[in-house]
C-alpha atoms as a PDB file:
ATOM      1  CA  MET A   1      13.893  79.368   0.874  1.00  0.00           C
ATOM      2  CA  LYS A   2      11.084  81.476  -0.136  1.00  0.00           C
ATOM      3  CA  GLN A   3      12.011  84.468   2.171  1.00  0.00           C
ATOM      4  CA  ALA A   4      15.878  84.124   0.664  1.00  0.00           C
ATOM      5  CA  GLY A   5      14.488  84.249  -2.704  1.00  0.00           C
ATOM      6  CA  PHE A   6      12.287  87.227  -1.914  1.00  0.00           C
ATOM      7  CA  SER A   7      15.097  88.952  -0.374  1.00  0.00           C
ATOM      8  CA  ARG A   8      17.421  88.498  -3.224  1.00  0.00           C
ATOM      9  CA  LEU A   9      14.471  89.865  -5.652  1.00  0.00           C
ATOM     10  CA  ALA A  10      13.997  92.714  -3.638  1.00  0.00           C
ATOM     11  CA  ARG A  11      17.900  93.622  -3.775  1.00  0.00           C
ATOM     12  CA  ASP A  12      17.829  93.254  -7.350  1.00  0.00           C
ATOM     13  CA  TYR A  13      14.951  95.680  -7.596  1.00  0.00           C
ATOM     14  CA  ILE A  14      16.639  97.890  -5.414  1.00  0.00           C
ATOM     15  CA  TRP A  15      19.896  98.136  -7.850  1.00  0.00           C
ATOM     16  CA  ILE A  16      17.459  98.146 -10.827  1.00  0.00           C
ATOM     17  CA  ALA A  17      16.185 101.419  -9.483  1.00  0.00           C
ATOM     18  CA  LEU A  18      19.544 102.905  -8.277  1.00  0.00           C
ATOM     19  CA  GLY A  19      20.763 102.174 -12.046  1.00  0.00           C
ATOM     20  CA  SER A  20      17.885 103.737 -13.574  1.00  0.00           C
ATOM     21  CA  VAL A  21      18.700 106.705 -11.464  1.00  0.00           C
ATOM     22  CA  LEU A  22      22.199 106.891 -12.587  1.00  0.00           C
ATOM     23  CA  TYR A  23      21.144 106.378 -16.152  1.00  0.00           C
ATOM     24  CA  SER A  24      18.631 109.159 -16.155  1.00  0.00           C
ATOM     25  CA  LEU A  25      20.854 111.446 -14.495  1.00  0.00           C
ATOM     26  CA  SER A  26      23.552 110.814 -16.732  1.00  0.00           C
ATOM     27  CA  PHE A  27      21.646 111.310 -19.809  1.00  0.00           C
ATOM     28  CA  ASP A  28      19.908 114.684 -18.637  1.00  0.00           C
ATOM     29  CA  TRP A  29      23.233 115.991 -17.601  1.00  0.00           C
ATOM     30  CA  PHE A  30      25.629 115.028 -20.196  1.00  0.00           C
ATOM     31  CA  TYR A  31      24.002 114.301 -23.681  1.00  0.00           C
ATOM     32  CA  VAL A  32      20.655 116.297 -24.046  1.00  0.00           C
ATOM     33  CA  PRO A  33      22.372 119.811 -23.232  1.00  0.00           C
ATOM     34  CA  ASN A  34      25.298 119.112 -25.464  1.00  0.00           C
ATOM     35  CA  GLN A  35      23.707 117.348 -28.298  1.00  0.00           C
ATOM     36  CA  ILE A  36      25.678 114.451 -28.185  1.00  0.00           C
ATOM     37  CA  GLY A  37      24.274 111.552 -30.190  1.00  0.00           C
ATOM     38  CA  PHE A  38      22.806 108.458 -28.165  1.00  0.00           C
ATOM     39  CA  GLY A  39      21.676 105.390 -29.436  1.00  0.00           C
ATOM     40  CA  GLY A  40      18.448 103.408 -29.336  1.00  0.00           C
ATOM     41  CA  LEU A  41      14.956 104.329 -28.914  1.00  0.00           C
ATOM     42  CA  THR A  42      16.175 107.642 -27.012  1.00  0.00           C
ATOM     43  CA  ALA A  43      17.903 108.691 -30.028  1.00  0.00           C
ATOM     44  CA  LEU A  44      14.250 108.751 -31.734  1.00  0.00           C
ATOM     45  CA  GLY A  45      12.871 110.430 -29.025  1.00  0.00           C
ATOM     46  CA  MET A  46      16.037 112.969 -28.928  1.00  0.00           C
ATOM     47  CA  ILE A  47      15.383 113.400 -32.767  1.00  0.00           C
ATOM     48  CA  LEU A  48      11.238 114.109 -32.193  1.00  0.00           C
ATOM     49  CA  ASN A  49      12.151 116.315 -29.169  1.00  0.00           C
ATOM     50  CA  HIS A  50      14.627 118.556 -31.303  1.00  0.00           C
ATOM     51  CA  LEU A  51      11.777 118.756 -33.856  1.00  0.00           C
ATOM     52  CA  SER A  52       9.150 119.428 -31.375  1.00  0.00           C
ATOM     53  CA  PRO A  53      10.545 120.795 -27.900  1.00  0.00           C
ATOM     54  CA  ALA A  54       6.755 119.881 -26.875  1.00  0.00           C
ATOM     55  CA  VAL A  55       7.640 116.290 -27.359  1.00  0.00           C
ATOM     56  CA  PRO A  56       9.074 114.562 -24.014  1.00  0.00           C
ATOM     57  CA  ILE A  57      11.933 112.099 -24.946  1.00  0.00           C
ATOM     58  CA  GLY A  58      10.630 109.514 -22.015  1.00  0.00           C
ATOM     59  CA  THR A  59       6.998 109.270 -23.402  1.00  0.00           C
ATOM     60  CA  VAL A  60       8.320 108.735 -26.782  1.00  0.00           C
ATOM     61  CA  VAL A  61      10.945 105.876 -25.380  1.00  0.00           C
ATOM     62  CA  LEU A  62       7.729 104.480 -23.551  1.00  0.00           C
ATOM     63  CA  VAL A  63       5.477 104.145 -26.314  1.00  0.00           C
ATOM     64  CA  LEU A  64       8.311 102.709 -28.678  1.00  0.00           C
ATOM     65  CA  ASN A  65       8.783 100.203 -26.407  1.00  0.00           C
ATOM     66  CA  ILE A  66       5.543  98.406 -26.255  1.00  0.00           C
ATOM     67  CA  PRO A  67       5.711  96.513 -28.989  1.00  0.00           C
ATOM     68  CA  ILE A  68       9.398  95.509 -28.622  1.00  0.00           C
ATOM     69  CA  PHE A  69       8.396  93.901 -24.973  1.00  0.00           C
ATOM     70  CA  LEU A  70       5.295  92.031 -26.644  1.00  0.00           C
ATOM     71  CA  LEU A  71       8.108  90.331 -28.829  1.00  0.00           C
ATOM     72  CA  GLY A  72      10.911  89.711 -25.958  1.00  0.00           C
ATOM     73  CA  TRP A  73       8.230  88.032 -23.892  1.00  0.00           C
ATOM     74  CA  LYS A  74       8.342  84.955 -25.548  1.00  0.00           C
ATOM     75  CA  TYR A  75      11.928  84.512 -25.650  1.00  0.00           C
ATOM     76  CA  LEU A  76      13.505  86.052 -22.467  1.00  0.00           C
ATOM     77  CA  GLY A  77      10.455  84.945 -20.014  1.00  0.00           C
ATOM     78  CA  GLY A  78       8.722  86.620 -17.544  1.00  0.00           C
ATOM     79  CA  HIS A  79      11.198  87.810 -14.818  1.00  0.00           C
ATOM     80  CA  THR A  80      13.545  89.410 -17.397  1.00  0.00           C
ATOM     81  CA  LEU A  81      10.428  91.016 -18.901  1.00  0.00           C
ATOM     82  CA  VAL A  82       8.765  92.415 -15.415  1.00  0.00           C
ATOM     83  CA  SER A  83      12.477  93.783 -14.381  1.00  0.00           C
ATOM     84  CA  SER A  84      12.820  95.556 -17.762  1.00  0.00           C
ATOM     85  CA  LEU A  85       9.642  97.142 -17.985  1.00  0.00           C
ATOM     86  CA  LEU A  86      10.582  98.420 -14.357  1.00  0.00           C
ATOM     87  CA  ALA A  87      13.608 100.027 -16.089  1.00  0.00           C
ATOM     88  CA  MET A  88      12.491 101.220 -18.688  1.00  0.00           C
ATOM     89  CA  ALA A  89       9.381 102.723 -16.779  1.00  0.00           C
ATOM     90  CA  ALA A  90      11.737 104.461 -14.071  1.00  0.00           C
ATOM     91  CA  THR A  91      14.446 105.475 -16.815  1.00  0.00           C
ATOM     92  CA  SER A  92      11.595 106.984 -18.923  1.00  0.00           C
ATOM     93  CA  ILE A  93       9.729 108.760 -15.946  1.00  0.00           C
ATOM     94  CA  LEU A  94      13.277 110.030 -14.406  1.00  0.00           C
ATOM     95  CA  VAL A  95      14.458 111.346 -17.670  1.00  0.00           C
ATOM     96  CA  ASP A  96      11.719 113.677 -18.358  1.00  0.00           C
ATOM     97  CA  LEU A  97      11.343 114.208 -14.039  1.00  0.00           C
ATOM     98  CA  PHE A  98      14.671 115.159 -14.248  1.00  0.00           C
ATOM     99  CA  ALA A  99      14.494 117.578 -17.367  1.00  0.00           C
ATOM    100  CA  VAL A 100      11.568 119.322 -15.609  1.00  0.00           C
ATOM    101  CA  LEU A 101      13.255 119.785 -12.286  1.00  0.00           C
ATOM    102  CA  TYR A 102      16.663 121.352 -13.392  1.00  0.00           C
ATOM    103  CA  GLU A 103      17.839 122.269 -16.420  1.00  0.00           C
ATOM    104  CA  PHE A 104      21.695 121.121 -16.844  1.00  0.00           C
ATOM    105  CA  PRO A 105      24.062 123.716 -18.723  1.00  0.00           C
ATOM    106  CA  SER A 106      26.090 122.597 -21.413  1.00  0.00           C
ATOM    107  CA  MET A 107      29.874 121.983 -21.020  1.00  0.00           C
ATOM    108  CA  ASP A 108      32.608 120.890 -23.188  1.00  0.00           C
ATOM    109  CA  PRO A 109      31.609 118.079 -25.268  1.00  0.00           C
ATOM    110  CA  MET A 110      34.406 115.796 -25.137  1.00  0.00           C
ATOM    111  CA  LEU A 111      33.982 116.140 -21.278  1.00  0.00           C
ATOM    112  CA  ALA A 112      30.500 115.015 -21.939  1.00  0.00           C
ATOM    113  CA  ALA A 113      31.321 112.114 -24.021  1.00  0.00           C
ATOM    114  CA  ILE A 114      33.897 110.833 -21.569  1.00  0.00           C
ATOM    115  CA  PHE A 115      32.072 111.444 -18.335  1.00  0.00           C
ATOM    116  CA  GLY A 116      28.614 110.703 -19.664  1.00  0.00           C
ATOM    117  CA  GLY A 117      29.971 107.572 -21.387  1.00  0.00           C
ATOM    118  CA  VAL A 118      31.370 106.081 -18.025  1.00  0.00           C
ATOM    119  CA  SER A 119      28.275 106.757 -15.867  1.00  0.00           C
ATOM    120  CA  LEU A 120      26.258 105.409 -18.126  1.00  0.00           C
ATOM    121  CA  GLY A 121      28.141 102.244 -18.725  1.00  0.00           C
ATOM    122  CA  ALA A 122      28.117 101.834 -15.115  1.00  0.00           C
ATOM    123  CA  ALA A 123      24.261 102.217 -15.263  1.00  0.00           C
ATOM    124  CA  LEU A 124      23.525  99.725 -18.031  1.00  0.00           C
ATOM    125  CA  GLY A 125      26.045  97.201 -16.091  1.00  0.00           C
ATOM    126  CA  ILE A 126      24.301  97.368 -13.326  1.00  0.00           C
ATOM    127  CA  ILE A 127      20.885  96.866 -14.709  1.00  0.00           C
ATOM    128  CA  PHE A 128      22.116  94.216 -16.791  1.00  0.00           C
ATOM    129  CA  SER A 129      23.845  92.301 -14.186  1.00  0.00           C
ATOM    130  CA  LYS A 130      20.500  92.158 -12.074  1.00  0.00           C
ATOM    131  CA  GLY A 131      18.691  90.361 -15.638  1.00  0.00           C
ATOM    132  CA  ALA A 132      17.133  93.549 -16.773  1.00  0.00           C
ATOM    133  CA  THR A 133      17.043  95.880 -19.635  1.00  0.00           C
ATOM    134  CA  THR A 134      16.153  99.512 -20.108  1.00  0.00           C
ATOM    135  CA  GLY A 135      14.062  98.401 -22.838  1.00  0.00           C
ATOM    136  CA  GLY A 136      14.536  99.658 -26.699  1.00  0.00           C
ATOM    137  CA  THR A 137      17.757  98.462 -28.656  1.00  0.00           C
ATOM    138  CA  ASP A 138      19.164  97.210 -25.192  1.00  0.00           C
ATOM    139  CA  LEU A 139      16.432  94.475 -25.136  1.00  0.00           C
ATOM    140  CA  ILE A 140      16.978  94.085 -28.992  1.00  0.00           C
ATOM    141  CA  ALA A 141      20.840  93.365 -27.891  1.00  0.00           C
ATOM    142  CA  ARG A 142      19.488  90.945 -25.177  1.00  0.00           C
ATOM    143  CA  LEU A 143      17.641  89.344 -27.446  1.00  0.00           C
ATOM    144  CA  LEU A 144      20.773  89.028 -29.799  1.00  0.00           C
ATOM    145  CA  LYS A 145      22.912  87.316 -26.948  1.00  0.00           C
ATOM    146  CA  LEU A 146      20.685  84.287 -27.328  1.00  0.00           C
ATOM    147  CA  PRO A 147      21.898  83.124 -30.826  1.00  0.00           C
ATOM    148  CA  PHE A 148      25.071  85.004 -30.193  1.00  0.00           C
ATOM    149  CA  ALA A 149      26.022  84.108 -26.819  1.00  0.00           C
ATOM    150  CA  TRP A 150      29.654  84.204 -27.086  1.00  0.00           C
ATOM    151  CA  LEU A 151      29.721  88.056 -27.727  1.00  0.00           C
ATOM    152  CA  PRO A 152      30.027  90.466 -24.623  1.00  0.00           C
ATOM    153  CA  MET A 153      26.866  92.623 -24.101  1.00  0.00           C
ATOM    154  CA  GLY A 154      28.643  95.493 -24.559  1.00  0.00           C
ATOM    155  CA  ARG A 155      29.548  94.687 -28.334  1.00  0.00           C
ATOM    156  CA  LEU A 156      26.223  93.727 -29.056  1.00  0.00           C
ATOM    157  CA  VAL A 157      24.769  96.986 -27.833  1.00  0.00           C
ATOM    158  CA  MET A 158      27.520  99.178 -29.759  1.00  0.00           C
ATOM    159  CA  VAL A 159      26.555  97.530 -33.124  1.00  0.00           C
ATOM    160  CA  VAL A 160      22.819  97.919 -32.519  1.00  0.00           C
ATOM    161  CA  ASP A 161      23.114 101.257 -31.246  1.00  0.00           C
ATOM    162  CA  THR A 162      25.682 102.606 -34.070  1.00  0.00           C
ATOM    163  CA  ALA A 163      23.112 103.112 -36.957  1.00  0.00           C
ATOM    164  CA  MET A 164      20.723 105.358 -34.605  1.00  0.00           C
ATOM    165  CA  LEU A 165      23.709 107.965 -34.054  1.00  0.00           C
ATOM    166  CA  LEU A 166      24.017 108.532 -37.902  1.00  0.00           C
ATOM    167  CA  SER A 167      20.002 109.542 -37.561  1.00  0.00           C
ATOM    168  CA  VAL A 168      20.782 111.791 -34.588  1.00  0.00           C
ATOM    169  CA  SER A 169      23.821 113.366 -36.595  1.00  0.00           C
ATOM    170  CA  ILE A 170      21.020 114.121 -39.570  1.00  0.00           C
ATOM    171  CA  ALA A 171      18.724 115.471 -37.473  1.00  0.00           C
ATOM    172  CA  PHE A 172      21.364 117.774 -35.536  1.00  0.00           C
ATOM    173  CA  ARG A 173      22.845 118.363 -38.914  1.00  0.00           C
ATOM    174  CA  SER A 174      26.208 117.743 -36.875  1.00  0.00           C
ATOM    175  CA  LEU A 175      28.806 115.143 -37.918  1.00  0.00           C
ATOM    176  CA  GLU A 176      30.198 116.231 -34.478  1.00  0.00           C
ATOM    177  CA  SER A 177      27.041 115.208 -32.530  1.00  0.00           C
ATOM    178  CA  ALA A 178      27.736 111.374 -33.907  1.00  0.00           C
ATOM    179  CA  MET A 179      31.622 111.644 -33.555  1.00  0.00           C
ATOM    180  CA  TYR A 180      31.039 112.627 -29.840  1.00  0.00           C
ATOM    181  CA  GLY A 181      28.465 110.121 -29.373  1.00  0.00           C
ATOM    182  CA  LEU A 182      30.793 107.191 -30.714  1.00  0.00           C
ATOM    183  CA  ILE A 183      33.057 108.261 -28.284  1.00  0.00           C
ATOM    184  CA  ALA A 184      30.632 108.159 -25.585  1.00  0.00           C
ATOM    185  CA  LEU A 185      29.054 104.928 -26.729  1.00  0.00           C
ATOM    186  CA  TYR A 186      32.563 103.256 -26.958  1.00  0.00           C
ATOM    187  CA  ILE A 187      33.370 104.409 -23.532  1.00  0.00           C
ATOM    188  CA  THR A 188      29.696 102.857 -22.378  1.00  0.00           C
ATOM    189  CA  THR A 189      30.476  99.678 -23.687  1.00  0.00           C
ATOM    190  CA  ILE A 190      33.809  99.230 -22.189  1.00  0.00           C
ATOM    191  CA  VAL A 191      32.398 100.016 -18.961  1.00  0.00           C
ATOM    192  CA  MET A 192      29.478  98.228 -19.222  1.00  0.00           C
ATOM    193  CA  ASP A 193      31.340  94.926 -19.810  1.00  0.00           C
ATOM    194  CA  MET A 194      33.747  95.912 -16.931  1.00  0.00           C
ATOM    195  CA  VAL A 195      30.951  96.103 -14.555  1.00  0.00           C
ATOM    196  CA  LEU A 196      29.364  92.718 -16.066  1.00  0.00           C
ATOM    197  CA  TYR A 197      32.549  90.555 -16.701  1.00  0.00           C
ATOM    198  CA  GLY A 198      35.502  92.311 -14.796  1.00  0.00           C
ATOM    199  CA  LEU A 199      33.942  92.113 -11.517  1.00  0.00           C
ATOM    200  CA  ASP A 200      34.125  88.668 -11.703  1.00  0.00           C
ATOM    201  CA  GLN A 201      37.649  88.363 -12.889  1.00  0.00           C
ATOM    202  CA  SER A 202      39.604  85.663 -11.431  1.00  0.00           C
ATOM    203  CA  LYS A 203      42.897  84.013 -11.780  1.00  0.00           C
ATOM    204  CA  VAL A 204      44.428  80.632 -12.820  1.00  0.00           C
ATOM    205  CA  ALA A 205      47.832  79.087 -11.473  1.00  0.00           C
ATOM    206  CA  TYR A 206      49.965  76.685 -13.280  1.00  0.00           C
ATOM    207  CA  ILE A 207      52.718  75.698 -10.586  1.00  0.00           C
ATOM    208  CA  VAL A 208      55.562  73.138 -11.800  1.00  0.00           C
ATOM    209  CA  THR A 209      57.165  71.612  -8.312  1.00  0.00           C
ATOM    210  CA  SER A 210      59.024  69.091  -6.743  1.00  0.00           C
ATOM    211  CA  ASN A 211      56.315  68.838  -4.020  1.00  0.00           C
ATOM    212  CA  PRO A 212      53.161  68.843  -5.879  1.00  0.00           C
ATOM    213  CA  ARG A 213      51.017  66.620  -3.660  1.00  0.00           C
ATOM    214  CA  PRO A 214      52.270  68.654  -0.327  1.00  0.00           C
ATOM    215  CA  MET A 215      51.822  72.235  -2.125  1.00  0.00           C
ATOM    216  CA  ALA A 216      48.286  70.870  -3.486  1.00  0.00           C
ATOM    217  CA  ALA A 217      47.256  69.957   0.274  1.00  0.00           C
ATOM    218  CA  GLU A 218      48.444  73.158   1.768  1.00  0.00           C
ATOM    219  CA  ILE A 219      46.944  75.066  -0.746  1.00  0.00           C
ATOM    220  CA  ASP A 220      43.437  73.739  -0.015  1.00  0.00           C
ATOM    221  CA  LYS A 221      44.112  73.568   3.796  1.00  0.00           C
ATOM    222  CA  GLN A 222      45.234  77.463   3.683  1.00  0.00           C
ATOM    223  CA  LEU A 223      43.375  78.971   0.687  1.00  0.00           C
ATOM    224  CA  ASP A 224      40.429  76.615   0.731  1.00  0.00           C
ATOM    225  CA  ARG A 225      41.167  76.241  -3.186  1.00  0.00           C
ATOM    226  CA  GLY A 226      41.271  72.910  -4.629  1.00  0.00           C
ATOM    227  CA  THR A 227      43.741  71.941  -7.401  1.00  0.00           C
ATOM    228  CA  THR A 228      43.848  69.869 -10.511  1.00  0.00           C
ATOM    229  CA  PHE A 229      47.062  67.608 -11.197  1.00  0.00           C
ATOM    230  CA  LEU A 230      48.223  67.853 -15.106  1.00  0.00           C
ATOM    231  CA  HIS A 231      50.522  65.365 -16.429  1.00  0.00           C
ATOM    232  CA  GLY A 232      53.412  67.024 -18.083  1.00  0.00           C
ATOM    233  CA  GLU A 233      57.130  65.923 -19.188  1.00  0.00           C
ATOM    234  CA  GLY A 234      60.058  68.381 -18.658  1.00  0.00           C
ATOM    235  CA  SER A 235      61.486  68.678 -22.390  1.00  0.00           C
ATOM    236  CA  PHE A 236      65.204  68.912 -20.691  1.00  0.00           C
ATOM    237  CA  SER A 237      65.113  66.305 -18.202  1.00  0.00           C
ATOM    238  CA  GLY A 238      62.926  64.229 -19.781  1.00  0.00           C
ATOM    239  CA  GLN A 239      60.879  63.320 -16.705  1.00  0.00           C
ATOM    240  CA  ASP A 240      57.209  63.187 -15.774  1.00  0.00           C
ATOM    241  CA  LYS A 241      55.763  66.059 -13.785  1.00  0.00           C
ATOM    242  CA  LEU A 242      52.954  66.588 -12.120  1.00  0.00           C
ATOM    243  CA  VAL A 243      51.516  70.079 -12.883  1.00  0.00           C
ATOM    244  CA  LEU A 244      49.075  71.833 -10.333  1.00  0.00           C
ATOM    245  CA  MET A 245      46.579  73.880 -11.891  1.00  0.00           C
ATOM    246  CA  CYS A 246      44.472  76.028  -9.176  1.00  0.00           C
ATOM    247  CA  ALA A 247      41.446  78.792  -9.973  1.00  0.00           C
ATOM    248  CA  PHE A 248      41.474  81.432  -7.255  1.00  0.00           C
ATOM    249  CA  LYS A 249      40.083  84.896  -6.521  1.00  0.00           C
ATOM    250  CA  GLN A 250      42.308  88.206  -7.156  1.00  0.00           C
ATOM    251  CA  ARG A 251      42.784  89.091  -3.476  1.00  0.00           C
ATOM    252  CA  GLN A 252      44.324  85.447  -3.000  1.00  0.00           C
ATOM    253  CA  ILE A 253      47.305  85.984  -5.224  1.00  0.00           C
ATOM    254  CA  VAL A 254      49.599  86.720  -2.528  1.00  0.00           C
ATOM    255  CA  PRO A 255      49.087  84.474   0.007  1.00  0.00           C
ATOM    256  CA  LEU A 256      49.518  81.522  -2.888  1.00  0.00           C
ATOM    257  CA  LYS A 257      52.718  83.293  -3.662  1.00  0.00           C
ATOM    258  CA  ALA A 258      53.929  83.084  -0.408  1.00  0.00           C
ATOM    259  CA  LEU A 259      53.049  79.927   0.141  1.00  0.00           C
ATOM    260  CA  ILE A 260      54.579  78.371  -3.060  1.00  0.00           C
ATOM    261  CA  HIS A 261      57.841  80.300  -2.288  1.00  0.00           C
ATOM    262  CA  GLU A 262      57.958  78.905   1.100  1.00  0.00           C
ATOM    263  CA  MET A 263      57.140  75.377   0.100  1.00  0.00           C
ATOM    264  CA  ASP A 264      59.378  75.123  -2.693  1.00  0.00           C
ATOM    265  CA  PRO A 265      61.509  78.497  -3.496  1.00  0.00           C
ATOM    266  CA  GLU A 266      62.487  76.945  -7.172  1.00  0.00           C
ATOM    267  CA  ALA A 267      59.010  76.178  -8.367  1.00  0.00           C
ATOM    268  CA  PHE A 268      57.881  77.766 -11.634  1.00  0.00           C
ATOM    269  CA  LEU A 269      54.509  79.523 -11.420  1.00  0.00           C
ATOM    270  CA  ILE A 270      52.467  81.087 -14.168  1.00  0.00           C
ATOM    271  CA  VAL A 271      49.520  83.055 -13.228  1.00  0.00           C
ATOM    272  CA  CYS A 272      47.080  83.804 -15.942  1.00  0.00           C
ATOM    273  CA  ASP A 273      43.606  85.891 -15.827  1.00  0.00           C
ATOM    274  CA  ALA A 274      40.466  83.919 -15.860  1.00  0.00           C
ATOM    275  CA  HIS A 275      36.710  84.860 -16.688  1.00  0.00           C
ATOM    276  CA  GLU A 276      33.545  83.209 -16.347  1.00  0.00           C
ATOM    277  CA  VAL A 277      34.720  80.794 -13.575  1.00  0.00           C
ATOM    278  CA  LEU A 278      32.228  78.565 -13.044  1.00  0.00           C
ATOM    279  CA  GLY A 279      31.613  75.916  -9.926  1.00  0.00           C
ATOM    280  CA  GLN A 280      31.878  75.295  -6.546  1.00  0.00           C
ATOM    281  CA  GLY A 281      33.429  78.558  -4.720  1.00  0.00           C
ATOM    282  CA  PHE A 282      32.680  80.665  -7.734  1.00  0.00           C
ATOM    283  CA  ARG A 283      29.382  81.555  -9.618  1.00  0.00           C
ATOM    284  CA  ARG A 284      26.832  79.392 -10.887  1.00  0.00           C
ATOM    285  CA  TYR A 285      25.641  78.579 -14.078  1.00  0.00           C
ATOM    286  CA  GLN A 286      22.211  80.279 -14.740  1.00  0.00           C
ATOM    287  CA  LYS A 287      20.068  79.873 -17.734  1.00  0.00           C
ATOM    288  CA  ASN A 288      20.372  82.965 -20.241  1.00  0.00           C
ATOM    289  CA  ASP A 289      23.301  84.047 -18.425  1.00  0.00           C
ATOM    290  CA  ILE A 290      24.969  87.228 -19.916  1.00  0.00           C
END
């Protein structure tokens, strides 16, 4: 058990490290050379670096994060703070390291906003999915997730970071910087939520059939998915019916439809998207789950 827990923790830290590399590379490649507004404490780092190029962005972020981490320790616990400290330190160091090793040329700002938003969103999604943050306003958004648990992380990050974009536009004296930054931020939050929630997407099927119990047995046998009987009544016939409800993975939709058609070609089938499916065969509930 201890070995399994250690292996899982090691895998999580490897993914956090990979996400940190992608985050730092995206920032230095797409945001800095094109002066695209960036939210969070990194925005303050960009402003100070713009006013005084001798001030490293990563170092500023590292220093400003210290009081926020002290605040978060009480509410998020040791594991989240330690993993976040790793991600924050890695991104801060790598941002400065990549800037020293290579000076990325500027490009079309719209391309930079789009691809920067996609790559940064993927990086943050990876980091958040492993229970970490990059510190700063990301950590603030993670703290806000506690009282506002129903809001997606991407939405919280967008709310917190939008104000910082205005500060960057004032420092750069460019409204376009904030406008491109808003585009990038919106794409970032969409991609982040896709990584956090979209990859866990499942389906729910509602099946009205004349053979409910045999069909439920075959679904359990062939697809290893349990079903629940819902009691319904036909509005036209007035007859009582058993409606099958079954949660299943996206990849099982084709064999499920084939099974239903084979057993009852006249069956009525409704398939809906399902998110956050918890229970046997799916994810397990975890405290402070995002």
